[in-house]
Amino acid sequence: MKPFLPLVLLAPLALTGCIASAVGTVVTAPVKIVAKGVDLATTSQSEADENRGRAMRKAEERLGKLQRQRDKALRKCDDGNDEACAEARDIQEEIDDLRDRVM
């Protein structure tokens, strides 16, 4: 029976470390969850810069497409197509609006 005595005396000390570890995990879990939520909800400066650059490139692509459409409509307008003239004016207004939003 004597060989079990040291184990019986050391068991509470060994369990204390496990309990402390479990308590530490339980206590820090809400903090980690909140921190993760904040990280997901916020945008870093580099992410914001990337998003802004992406939006600008997209706007430039759209602007180029609109300019090509306007030029095509203007060529038809020069040939006497009144509908093409109106279309060219509408496209130009869209180009102006897009430039105002981007710049």
PDB file of N, CA and C in Angstrom:
ATOM      1  N   MET A   1       0.796  -1.180   0.000  1.00  0.00           N
ATOM      2  CA  MET A   1       0.000   0.000   0.000  1.00  0.00           C
ATOM      3  C   MET A   1       0.852   1.263   0.000  1.00  0.00           C
ATOM      4  N   LYS A   2       2.052   1.142   0.509  1.00  0.00           N
ATOM      5  CA  LYS A   2       2.926   2.290   0.596  1.00  0.00           C
ATOM      6  C   LYS A   2       3.329   2.833  -0.788  1.00  0.00           C
ATOM      7  N   PRO A   3       3.473   1.993  -1.838  1.00  0.00           N
ATOM      8  CA  PRO A   3       3.854   2.571  -3.132  1.00  0.00           C
ATOM      9  C   PRO A   3       2.798   3.529  -3.677  1.00  0.00           C
ATOM     10  N   PHE A   4       1.544   3.395  -3.299  1.00  0.00           N
ATOM     11  CA  PHE A   4       0.483   4.293  -3.794  1.00  0.00           C
ATOM     12  C   PHE A   4       0.470   5.630  -3.075  1.00  0.00           C
ATOM     13  N   LEU A   5       1.076   5.697  -1.876  1.00  0.00           N
ATOM     14  CA  LEU A   5       1.049   6.924  -1.084  1.00  0.00           C
ATOM     15  C   LEU A   5       1.652   8.109  -1.840  1.00  0.00           C
ATOM     16  N   PRO A   6       2.817   7.981  -2.483  1.00  0.00           N
ATOM     17  CA  PRO A   6       3.350   9.132  -3.223  1.00  0.00           C
ATOM     18  C   PRO A   6       2.433   9.535  -4.389  1.00  0.00           C
ATOM     19  N   LEU A   7       1.818   8.566  -5.043  1.00  0.00           N
ATOM     20  CA  LEU A   7       0.910   8.894  -6.141  1.00  0.00           C
ATOM     21  C   LEU A   7      -0.319   9.634  -5.643  1.00  0.00           C
ATOM     22  N   VAL A   8      -0.820   9.235  -4.518  1.00  0.00           N
ATOM     23  CA  VAL A   8      -1.992   9.889  -3.938  1.00  0.00           C
ATOM     24  C   VAL A   8      -1.652  11.317  -3.552  1.00  0.00           C
ATOM     25  N   LEU A   9      -0.451  11.526  -3.044  1.00  0.00           N
ATOM     26  CA  LEU A   9      -0.045  12.868  -2.634  1.00  0.00           C
ATOM     27  C   LEU A   9       0.271  13.763  -3.836  1.00  0.00           C
ATOM     28  N   LEU A  10       0.772  13.199  -4.918  1.00  0.00           N
ATOM     29  CA  LEU A  10       1.133  13.981  -6.100  1.00  0.00           C
ATOM     30  C   LEU A  10      -0.041  14.209  -7.045  1.00  0.00           C
ATOM     31  N   ALA A  11      -1.068  13.398  -6.962  1.00  0.00           N
ATOM     32  CA  ALA A  11      -2.213  13.512  -7.863  1.00  0.00           C
ATOM     33  C   ALA A  11      -2.871  14.891  -7.817  1.00  0.00           C
ATOM     34  N   PRO A  12      -3.146  15.469  -6.623  1.00  0.00           N
ATOM     35  CA  PRO A  12      -3.759  16.797  -6.614  1.00  0.00           C
ATOM     36  C   PRO A  12      -2.884  17.861  -7.255  1.00  0.00           C
ATOM     37  N   LEU A  13      -1.576  17.744  -7.093  1.00  0.00           N
ATOM     38  CA  LEU A  13      -0.688  18.725  -7.717  1.00  0.00           C
ATOM     39  C   LEU A  13      -0.721  18.608  -9.233  1.00  0.00           C
ATOM     40  N   ALA A  14      -0.745  17.396  -9.739  1.00  0.00           N
ATOM     41  CA  ALA A  14      -0.800  17.183 -11.185  1.00  0.00           C
ATOM     42  C   ALA A  14      -2.132  17.661 -11.753  1.00  0.00           C
ATOM     43  N   LEU A  15      -3.204  17.419 -11.057  1.00  0.00           N
ATOM     44  CA  LEU A  15      -4.531  17.846 -11.523  1.00  0.00           C
ATOM     45  C   LEU A  15      -4.683  19.354 -11.473  1.00  0.00           C
ATOM     46  N   THR A  16      -4.003  20.010 -10.549  1.00  0.00           N
ATOM     47  CA  THR A  16      -4.098  21.466 -10.439  1.00  0.00           C
ATOM     48  C   THR A  16      -3.636  22.125 -11.732  1.00  0.00           C
ATOM     49  N   GLY A  17      -2.573  21.617 -12.320  1.00  0.00           N
ATOM     50  CA  GLY A  17      -2.081  22.162 -13.586  1.00  0.00           C
ATOM     51  C   GLY A  17      -3.089  21.988 -14.699  1.00  0.00           C
ATOM     52  N   CYS A  18      -3.738  20.846 -14.752  1.00  0.00           N
ATOM     53  CA  CYS A  18      -4.753  20.587 -15.784  1.00  0.00           C
ATOM     54  C   CYS A  18      -5.952  21.514 -15.593  1.00  0.00           C
ATOM     55  N   ILE A  19      -6.360  21.668 -14.355  1.00  0.00           N
ATOM     56  CA  ILE A  19      -7.514  22.526 -14.059  1.00  0.00           C
ATOM     57  C   ILE A  19      -7.183  23.978 -14.384  1.00  0.00           C
ATOM     58  N   ALA A  20      -5.980  24.398 -13.993  1.00  0.00           N
ATOM     59  CA  ALA A  20      -5.571  25.774 -14.283  1.00  0.00           C
ATOM     60  C   ALA A  20      -5.523  26.015 -15.789  1.00  0.00           C
ATOM     61  N   SER A  21      -5.042  25.040 -16.518  1.00  0.00           N
ATOM     62  CA  SER A  21      -4.974  25.160 -17.961  1.00  0.00           C
ATOM     63  C   SER A  21      -6.378  25.260 -18.563  1.00  0.00           C
ATOM     64  N   ALA A  22      -7.278  24.422 -18.067  1.00  0.00           N
ATOM     65  CA  ALA A  22      -8.660  24.442 -18.564  1.00  0.00           C
ATOM     66  C   ALA A  22      -9.330  25.762 -18.224  1.00  0.00           C
ATOM     67  N   VAL A  23      -9.125  26.249 -17.005  1.00  0.00           N
ATOM     68  CA  VAL A  23      -9.716  27.525 -16.600  1.00  0.00           C
ATOM     69  C   VAL A  23      -9.151  28.651 -17.450  1.00  0.00           C
ATOM     70  N   GLY A  24      -7.847  28.608 -17.707  1.00  0.00           N
ATOM     71  CA  GLY A  24      -7.230  29.636 -18.548  1.00  0.00           C
ATOM     72  C   GLY A  24      -7.805  29.641 -19.951  1.00  0.00           C
ATOM     73  N   THR A  25      -8.053  28.466 -20.486  1.00  0.00           N
ATOM     74  CA  THR A  25      -8.639  28.361 -21.823  1.00  0.00           C
ATOM     75  C   THR A  25     -10.055  28.910 -21.836  1.00  0.00           C
ATOM     76  N   VAL A  26     -10.816  28.584 -20.817  1.00  0.00           N
ATOM     77  CA  VAL A  26     -12.206  29.050 -20.739  1.00  0.00           C
ATOM     78  C   VAL A  26     -12.253  30.563 -20.565  1.00  0.00           C
ATOM     79  N   VAL A  27     -11.341  31.104 -19.785  1.00  0.00           N
ATOM     80  CA  VAL A  27     -11.333  32.549 -19.535  1.00  0.00           C
ATOM     81  C   VAL A  27     -10.894  33.317 -20.771  1.00  0.00           C
ATOM     82  N   THR A  28      -9.909  32.812 -21.506  1.00  0.00           N
ATOM     83  CA  THR A  28      -9.409  33.554 -22.668  1.00  0.00           C
ATOM     84  C   THR A  28     -10.249  33.339 -23.923  1.00  0.00           C
ATOM     85  N   ALA A  29     -11.091  32.332 -23.954  1.00  0.00           N
ATOM     86  CA  ALA A  29     -11.890  32.057 -25.152  1.00  0.00           C
ATOM     87  C   ALA A  29     -12.772  33.234 -25.562  1.00  0.00           C
ATOM     88  N   PRO A  30     -13.524  33.869 -24.638  1.00  0.00           N
ATOM     89  CA  PRO A  30     -14.341  35.003 -25.074  1.00  0.00           C
ATOM     90  C   PRO A  30     -13.513  36.160 -25.628  1.00  0.00           C
ATOM     91  N   VAL A  31     -12.346  36.380 -25.057  1.00  0.00           N
ATOM     92  CA  VAL A  31     -11.479  37.449 -25.545  1.00  0.00           C
ATOM     93  C   VAL A  31     -11.015  37.139 -26.961  1.00  0.00           C
ATOM     94  N   LYS A  32     -10.654  35.898 -27.206  1.00  0.00           N
ATOM     95  CA  LYS A  32     -10.215  35.504 -28.542  1.00  0.00           C
ATOM     96  C   LYS A  32     -11.349  35.619 -29.556  1.00  0.00           C
ATOM     97  N   ILE A  33     -12.537  35.260 -29.138  1.00  0.00           N
ATOM     98  CA  ILE A  33     -13.695  35.334 -30.037  1.00  0.00           C
ATOM     99  C   ILE A  33     -13.987  36.788 -30.402  1.00  0.00           C
ATOM    100  N   VAL A  34     -13.969  37.669 -29.414  1.00  0.00           N
ATOM    101  CA  VAL A  34     -14.219  39.093 -29.671  1.00  0.00           C
ATOM    102  C   VAL A  34     -13.125  39.666 -30.556  1.00  0.00           C
ATOM    103  N   ALA A  35     -11.882  39.315 -30.280  1.00  0.00           N
ATOM    104  CA  ALA A  35     -10.771  39.821 -31.085  1.00  0.00           C
ATOM    105  C   ALA A  35     -10.907  39.369 -32.535  1.00  0.00           C
ATOM    106  N   LYS A  36     -11.298  38.128 -32.747  1.00  0.00           N
ATOM    107  CA  LYS A  36     -11.480  37.619 -34.107  1.00  0.00           C
ATOM    108  C   LYS A  36     -12.611  38.374 -34.812  1.00  0.00           C
ATOM    109  N   GLY A  37     -13.692  38.639 -34.072  1.00  0.00           N
ATOM    110  CA  GLY A  37     -14.811  39.390 -34.642  1.00  0.00           C
ATOM    111  C   GLY A  37     -14.409  40.796 -35.037  1.00  0.00           C
ATOM    112  N   VAL A  38     -13.627  41.448 -34.195  1.00  0.00           N
ATOM    113  CA  VAL A  38     -13.149  42.805 -34.506  1.00  0.00           C
ATOM    114  C   VAL A  38     -12.245  42.772 -35.729  1.00  0.00           C
ATOM    115  N   ASP A  39     -11.390  41.768 -35.802  1.00  0.00           N
ATOM    116  CA  ASP A  39     -10.486  41.645 -36.938  1.00  0.00           C
ATOM    117  C   ASP A  39     -11.263  41.454 -38.236  1.00  0.00           C
ATOM    118  N   LEU A  40     -12.326  40.658 -38.178  1.00  0.00           N
ATOM    119  CA  LEU A  40     -13.138  40.443 -39.372  1.00  0.00           C
ATOM    120  C   LEU A  40     -13.955  41.674 -39.738  1.00  0.00           C
ATOM    121  N   ALA A  41     -14.328  42.465 -38.743  1.00  0.00           N
ATOM    122  CA  ALA A  41     -15.183  43.627 -38.990  1.00  0.00           C
ATOM    123  C   ALA A  41     -14.397  44.846 -39.455  1.00  0.00           C
ATOM    124  N   THR A  42     -13.106  44.879 -39.221  1.00  0.00           N
ATOM    125  CA  THR A  42     -12.307  46.035 -39.603  1.00  0.00           C
ATOM    126  C   THR A  42     -11.466  45.718 -40.824  1.00  0.00           C
ATOM    127  N   THR A  43     -11.062  46.755 -41.506  1.00  0.00           N
ATOM    128  CA  THR A  43     -10.239  46.608 -42.689  1.00  0.00           C
ATOM    129  C   THR A  43      -8.903  47.292 -42.433  1.00  0.00           C
ATOM    130  N   SER A  44      -7.826  46.582 -42.671  1.00  0.00           N
ATOM    131  CA  SER A  44      -6.508  47.179 -42.482  1.00  0.00           C
ATOM    132  C   SER A  44      -6.274  48.219 -43.575  1.00  0.00           C
ATOM    133  N   GLN A  45      -5.274  49.055 -43.362  1.00  0.00           N
ATOM    134  CA  GLN A  45      -4.970  50.095 -44.344  1.00  0.00           C
ATOM    135  C   GLN A  45      -4.564  49.478 -45.674  1.00  0.00           C
ATOM    136  N   SER A  46      -3.790  48.408 -45.635  1.00  0.00           N
ATOM    137  CA  SER A  46      -3.368  47.782 -46.897  1.00  0.00           C
ATOM    138  C   SER A  46      -4.567  47.177 -47.630  1.00  0.00           C
ATOM    139  N   GLU A  47      -5.504  46.583 -46.888  1.00  0.00           N
ATOM    140  CA  GLU A  47      -6.715  46.049 -47.518  1.00  0.00           C
ATOM    141  C   GLU A  47      -7.544  47.176 -48.113  1.00  0.00           C
ATOM    142  N   ALA A  48      -7.631  48.283 -47.397  1.00  0.00           N
ATOM    143  CA  ALA A  48      -8.382  49.433 -47.908  1.00  0.00           C
ATOM    144  C   ALA A  48      -7.734  49.967 -49.185  1.00  0.00           C
ATOM    145  N   ASP A  49      -6.400  50.022 -49.201  1.00  0.00           N
ATOM    146  CA  ASP A  49      -5.689  50.480 -50.397  1.00  0.00           C
ATOM    147  C   ASP A  49      -5.925  49.537 -51.572  1.00  0.00           C
ATOM    148  N   GLU A  50      -5.883  48.237 -51.297  1.00  0.00           N
ATOM    149  CA  GLU A  50      -6.129  47.253 -52.361  1.00  0.00           C
ATOM    150  C   GLU A  50      -7.540  47.405 -52.908  1.00  0.00           C
ATOM    151  N   ASN A  51      -8.510  47.568 -52.010  1.00  0.00           N
ATOM    152  CA  ASN A  51      -9.900  47.724 -52.443  1.00  0.00           C
ATOM    153  C   ASN A  51     -10.080  48.990 -53.260  1.00  0.00           C
ATOM    154  N   ARG A  52      -9.449  50.074 -52.832  1.00  0.00           N
ATOM    155  CA  ARG A  52      -9.550  51.340 -53.564  1.00  0.00           C
ATOM    156  C   ARG A  52      -8.931  51.195 -54.954  1.00  0.00           C
ATOM    157  N   GLY A  53      -7.765  50.556 -55.014  1.00  0.00           N
ATOM    158  CA  GLY A  53      -7.106  50.339 -56.308  1.00  0.00           C
ATOM    159  C   GLY A  53      -7.951  49.492 -57.234  1.00  0.00           C
ATOM    160  N   ARG A  54      -8.561  48.454 -56.677  1.00  0.00           N
ATOM    161  CA  ARG A  54      -9.424  47.575 -57.467  1.00  0.00           C
ATOM    162  C   ARG A  54     -10.620  48.358 -58.005  1.00  0.00           C
ATOM    163  N   ALA A  55     -11.215  49.192 -57.166  1.00  0.00           N
ATOM    164  CA  ALA A  55     -12.369  49.989 -57.592  1.00  0.00           C
ATOM    165  C   ALA A  55     -11.965  50.980 -58.681  1.00  0.00           C
ATOM    166  N   MET A  56     -10.782  51.567 -58.538  1.00  0.00           N
ATOM    167  CA  MET A  56     -10.322  52.523 -59.550  1.00  0.00           C
ATOM    168  C   MET A  56     -10.063  51.830 -60.884  1.00  0.00           C
ATOM    169  N   ARG A  57      -9.439  50.647 -60.832  1.00  0.00           N
ATOM    170  CA  ARG A  57      -9.194  49.911 -62.083  1.00  0.00           C
ATOM    171  C   ARG A  57     -10.511  49.535 -62.759  1.00  0.00           C
ATOM    172  N   LYS A  58     -11.475  49.123 -61.953  1.00  0.00           N
ATOM    173  CA  LYS A  58     -12.785  48.764 -62.509  1.00  0.00           C
ATOM    174  C   LYS A  58     -13.452  49.984 -63.155  1.00  0.00           C
ATOM    175  N   ALA A  59     -13.358  51.123 -62.488  1.00  0.00           N
ATOM    176  CA  ALA A  59     -13.946  52.352 -63.023  1.00  0.00           C
ATOM    177  C   ALA A  59     -13.243  52.764 -64.314  1.00  0.00           C
ATOM    178  N   GLU A  60     -11.918  52.608 -64.356  1.00  0.00           N
ATOM    179  CA  GLU A  60     -11.175  52.953 -65.569  1.00  0.00           C
ATOM    180  C   GLU A  60     -11.569  52.040 -66.732  1.00  0.00           C
ATOM    181  N   GLU A  61     -11.779  50.758 -66.438  1.00  0.00           N
ATOM    182  CA  GLU A  61     -12.225  49.830 -67.479  1.00  0.00           C
ATOM    183  C   GLU A  61     -13.594  50.244 -68.004  1.00  0.00           C
ATOM    184  N   ARG A  62     -14.482  50.581 -67.078  1.00  0.00           N
ATOM    185  CA  ARG A  62     -15.835  51.019 -67.461  1.00  0.00           C
ATOM    186  C   ARG A  62     -15.757  52.308 -68.275  1.00  0.00           C
ATOM    187  N   LEU A  63     -14.897  53.213 -67.859  1.00  0.00           N
ATOM    188  CA  LEU A  63     -14.735  54.478 -68.564  1.00  0.00           C
ATOM    189  C   LEU A  63     -14.245  54.250 -69.989  1.00  0.00           C
ATOM    190  N   GLY A  64     -13.273  53.355 -70.157  1.00  0.00           N
ATOM    191  CA  GLY A  64     -12.768  53.042 -71.490  1.00  0.00           C
ATOM    192  C   GLY A  64     -13.852  52.452 -72.379  1.00  0.00           C
ATOM    193  N   LYS A  65     -14.652  51.564 -71.810  1.00  0.00           N
ATOM    194  CA  LYS A  65     -15.745  50.952 -72.574  1.00  0.00           C
ATOM    195  C   LYS A  65     -16.762  52.018 -72.998  1.00  0.00           C
ATOM    196  N   LEU A  66     -17.102  52.899 -72.076  1.00  0.00           N
ATOM    197  CA  LEU A  66     -18.064  53.966 -72.402  1.00  0.00           C
ATOM    198  C   LEU A  66     -17.506  54.901 -73.476  1.00  0.00           C
ATOM    199  N   GLN A  67     -16.230  55.221 -73.390  1.00  0.00           N
ATOM    200  CA  GLN A  67     -15.638  56.103 -74.395  1.00  0.00           C
ATOM    201  C   GLN A  67     -15.667  55.466 -75.778  1.00  0.00           C
ATOM    202  N   ARG A  68     -15.405  54.157 -75.841  1.00  0.00           N
ATOM    203  CA  ARG A  68     -15.484  53.474 -77.147  1.00  0.00           C
ATOM    204  C   ARG A  68     -16.918  53.483 -77.682  1.00  0.00           C
ATOM    205  N   GLN A  69     -17.887  53.272 -76.800  1.00  0.00           N
ATOM    206  CA  GLN A  69     -19.295  53.311 -77.227  1.00  0.00           C
ATOM    207  C   GLN A  69     -19.675  54.715 -77.706  1.00  0.00           C
ATOM    208  N   ARG A  70     -19.202  55.723 -76.964  1.00  0.00           N
ATOM    209  CA  ARG A  70     -19.511  57.101 -77.355  1.00  0.00           C
ATOM    210  C   ARG A  70     -18.904  57.428 -78.714  1.00  0.00           C
ATOM    211  N   ASP A  71     -17.637  57.017 -78.926  1.00  0.00           N
ATOM    212  CA  ASP A  71     -16.966  57.294 -80.197  1.00  0.00           C
ATOM    213  C   ASP A  71     -17.692  56.620 -81.358  1.00  0.00           C
ATOM    214  N   LYS A  72     -18.165  55.402 -81.132  1.00  0.00           N
ATOM    215  CA  LYS A  72     -18.915  54.685 -82.160  1.00  0.00           C
ATOM    216  C   LYS A  72     -20.226  55.415 -82.470  1.00  0.00           C
ATOM    217  N   ALA A  73     -20.892  55.862 -81.397  1.00  0.00           N
ATOM    218  CA  ALA A  73     -22.154  56.595 -81.591  1.00  0.00           C
ATOM    219  C   ALA A  73     -21.896  57.928 -82.301  1.00  0.00           C
ATOM    220  N   LEU A  74     -20.776  58.581 -81.986  1.00  0.00           N
ATOM    221  CA  LEU A  74     -20.456  59.853 -82.653  1.00  0.00           C
ATOM    222  C   LEU A  74     -20.182  59.649 -84.142  1.00  0.00           C
ATOM    223  N   ARG A  75     -19.534  58.549 -84.499  1.00  0.00           N
ATOM    224  CA  ARG A  75     -19.301  58.273 -85.928  1.00  0.00           C
ATOM    225  C   ARG A  75     -20.635  58.095 -86.653  1.00  0.00           C
ATOM    226  N   LYS A  76     -21.569  57.380 -86.013  1.00  0.00           N
ATOM    227  CA  LYS A  76     -22.894  57.202 -86.618  1.00  0.00           C
ATOM    228  C   LYS A  76     -23.630  58.534 -86.674  1.00  0.00           C
ATOM    229  N   CYS A  77     -23.433  59.349 -85.630  1.00  0.00           N
ATOM    230  CA  CYS A  77     -24.066  60.673 -85.594  1.00  0.00           C
ATOM    231  C   CYS A  77     -23.561  61.534 -86.746  1.00  0.00           C
ATOM    232  N   ASP A  78     -22.249  61.459 -87.005  1.00  0.00           N
ATOM    233  CA  ASP A  78     -21.669  62.221 -88.116  1.00  0.00           C
ATOM    234  C   ASP A  78     -22.226  61.776 -89.464  1.00  0.00           C
ATOM    235  N   ASP A  79     -22.682  60.516 -89.521  1.00  0.00           N
ATOM    236  CA  ASP A  79     -23.272  60.004 -90.757  1.00  0.00           C
ATOM    237  C   ASP A  79     -24.747  60.395 -90.888  1.00  0.00           C
ATOM    238  N   GLY A  80     -25.273  61.125 -89.904  1.00  0.00           N
ATOM    239  CA  GLY A  80     -26.642  61.618 -89.984  1.00  0.00           C
ATOM    240  C   GLY A  80     -27.649  60.840 -89.149  1.00  0.00           C
ATOM    241  N   ASN A  81     -27.215  59.958 -88.286  1.00  0.00           N
ATOM    242  CA  ASN A  81     -28.121  59.176 -87.453  1.00  0.00           C
ATOM    243  C   ASN A  81     -28.441  59.966 -86.174  1.00  0.00           C
ATOM    244  N   ASP A  82     -29.670  60.500 -86.110  1.00  0.00           N
ATOM    245  CA  ASP A  82     -30.062  61.327 -84.964  1.00  0.00           C
ATOM    246  C   ASP A  82     -30.147  60.526 -83.660  1.00  0.00           C
ATOM    247  N   GLU A  83     -30.562  59.271 -83.752  1.00  0.00           N
ATOM    248  CA  GLU A  83     -30.622  58.431 -82.549  1.00  0.00           C
ATOM    249  C   GLU A  83     -29.225  58.225 -81.969  1.00  0.00           C
ATOM    250  N   ALA A  84     -28.235  58.089 -82.840  1.00  0.00           N
ATOM    251  CA  ALA A  84     -26.854  57.910 -82.393  1.00  0.00           C
ATOM    252  C   ALA A  84     -26.350  59.168 -81.698  1.00  0.00           C
ATOM    253  N   CYS A  85     -26.799  60.325 -82.149  1.00  0.00           N
ATOM    254  CA  CYS A  85     -26.405  61.585 -81.501  1.00  0.00           C
ATOM    255  C   CYS A  85     -26.941  61.639 -80.067  1.00  0.00           C
ATOM    256  N   ALA A  86     -28.199  61.244 -79.901  1.00  0.00           N
ATOM    257  CA  ALA A  86     -28.791  61.219 -78.566  1.00  0.00           C
ATOM    258  C   ALA A  86     -28.078  60.193 -77.689  1.00  0.00           C
ATOM    259  N   GLU A  87     -27.747  59.050 -78.286  1.00  0.00           N
ATOM    260  CA  GLU A  87     -27.032  58.010 -77.539  1.00  0.00           C
ATOM    261  C   GLU A  87     -25.648  58.513 -77.102  1.00  0.00           C
ATOM    262  N   ALA A  88     -24.977  59.226 -77.981  1.00  0.00           N
ATOM    263  CA  ALA A  88     -23.651  59.768 -77.655  1.00  0.00           C
ATOM    264  C   ALA A  88     -23.743  60.766 -76.503  1.00  0.00           C
ATOM    265  N   ARG A  89     -24.790  61.588 -76.491  1.00  0.00           N
ATOM    266  CA  ARG A  89     -24.987  62.546 -75.384  1.00  0.00           C
ATOM    267  C   ARG A  89     -25.243  61.810 -74.073  1.00  0.00           C
ATOM    268  N   ASP A  90     -26.075  60.776 -74.130  1.00  0.00           N
ATOM    269  CA  ASP A  90     -26.360  59.986 -72.914  1.00  0.00           C
ATOM    270  C   ASP A  90     -25.096  59.313 -72.369  1.00  0.00           C
ATOM    271  N   ILE A  91     -24.319  58.769 -73.287  1.00  0.00           N
ATOM    272  CA  ILE A  91     -23.085  58.103 -72.868  1.00  0.00           C
ATOM    273  C   ILE A  91     -22.113  59.117 -72.276  1.00  0.00           C
ATOM    274  N   GLN A  92     -22.047  60.303 -72.876  1.00  0.00           N
ATOM    275  CA  GLN A  92     -21.155  61.342 -72.350  1.00  0.00           C
ATOM    276  C   GLN A  92     -21.568  61.748 -70.932  1.00  0.00           C
ATOM    277  N   GLU A  93     -22.869  61.828 -70.690  1.00  0.00           N
ATOM    278  CA  GLU A  93     -23.346  62.145 -69.330  1.00  0.00           C
ATOM    279  C   GLU A  93     -22.920  61.060 -68.347  1.00  0.00           C
ATOM    280  N   GLU A  94     -23.010  59.805 -68.771  1.00  0.00           N
ATOM    281  CA  GLU A  94     -22.589  58.701 -67.904  1.00  0.00           C
ATOM    282  C   GLU A  94     -21.081  58.762 -67.633  1.00  0.00           C
ATOM    283  N   ILE A  95     -20.328  59.118 -68.654  1.00  0.00           N
ATOM    284  CA  ILE A  95     -18.877  59.274 -68.489  1.00  0.00           C
ATOM    285  C   ILE A  95     -18.587  60.379 -67.480  1.00  0.00           C
ATOM    286  N   ASP A  96     -19.272  61.508 -67.604  1.00  0.00           N
ATOM    287  CA  ASP A  96     -19.060  62.627 -66.678  1.00  0.00           C
ATOM    288  C   ASP A  96     -19.411  62.227 -65.247  1.00  0.00           C
ATOM    289  N   ASP A  97     -20.510  61.515 -65.095  1.00  0.00           N
ATOM    290  CA  ASP A  97     -20.916  61.064 -63.749  1.00  0.00           C
ATOM    291  C   ASP A  97     -19.876  60.116 -63.150  1.00  0.00           C
ATOM    292  N   LEU A  98     -19.398  59.204 -63.979  1.00  0.00           N
ATOM    293  CA  LEU A  98     -18.393  58.251 -63.509  1.00  0.00           C
ATOM    294  C   LEU A  98     -17.100  58.967 -63.102  1.00  0.00           C
ATOM    295  N   ARG A  99     -16.686  59.923 -63.891  1.00  0.00           N
ATOM    296  CA  ARG A  99     -15.469  60.682 -63.562  1.00  0.00           C
ATOM    297  C   ARG A  99     -15.646  61.450 -62.261  1.00  0.00           C
ATOM    298  N   ASP A 100     -16.829  62.018 -62.049  1.00  0.00           N
ATOM    299  CA  ASP A 100     -17.084  62.754 -60.810  1.00  0.00           C
ATOM    300  C   ASP A 100     -17.025  61.838 -59.587  1.00  0.00           C
ATOM    301  N   ARG A 101     -17.525  60.616 -59.717  1.00  0.00           N
ATOM    302  CA  ARG A 101     -17.532  59.677 -58.583  1.00  0.00           C
ATOM    303  C   ARG A 101     -16.134  59.158 -58.286  1.00  0.00           C
ATOM    304  N   VAL A 102     -15.350  58.892 -59.322  1.00  0.00           N
ATOM    305  CA  VAL A 102     -14.028  58.300 -59.135  1.00  0.00           C
ATOM    306  C   VAL A 102     -13.014  59.341 -58.680  1.00  0.00           C
ATOM    307  N   MET A 103     -13.063  60.491 -59.225  1.00  0.00           N
ATOM    308  CA  MET A 103     -12.055  61.499 -58.924  1.00  0.00           C
ATOM    309  C   MET A 103     -12.507  62.324 -57.792  1.00  0.00           C
TER     310      MET A 103
END
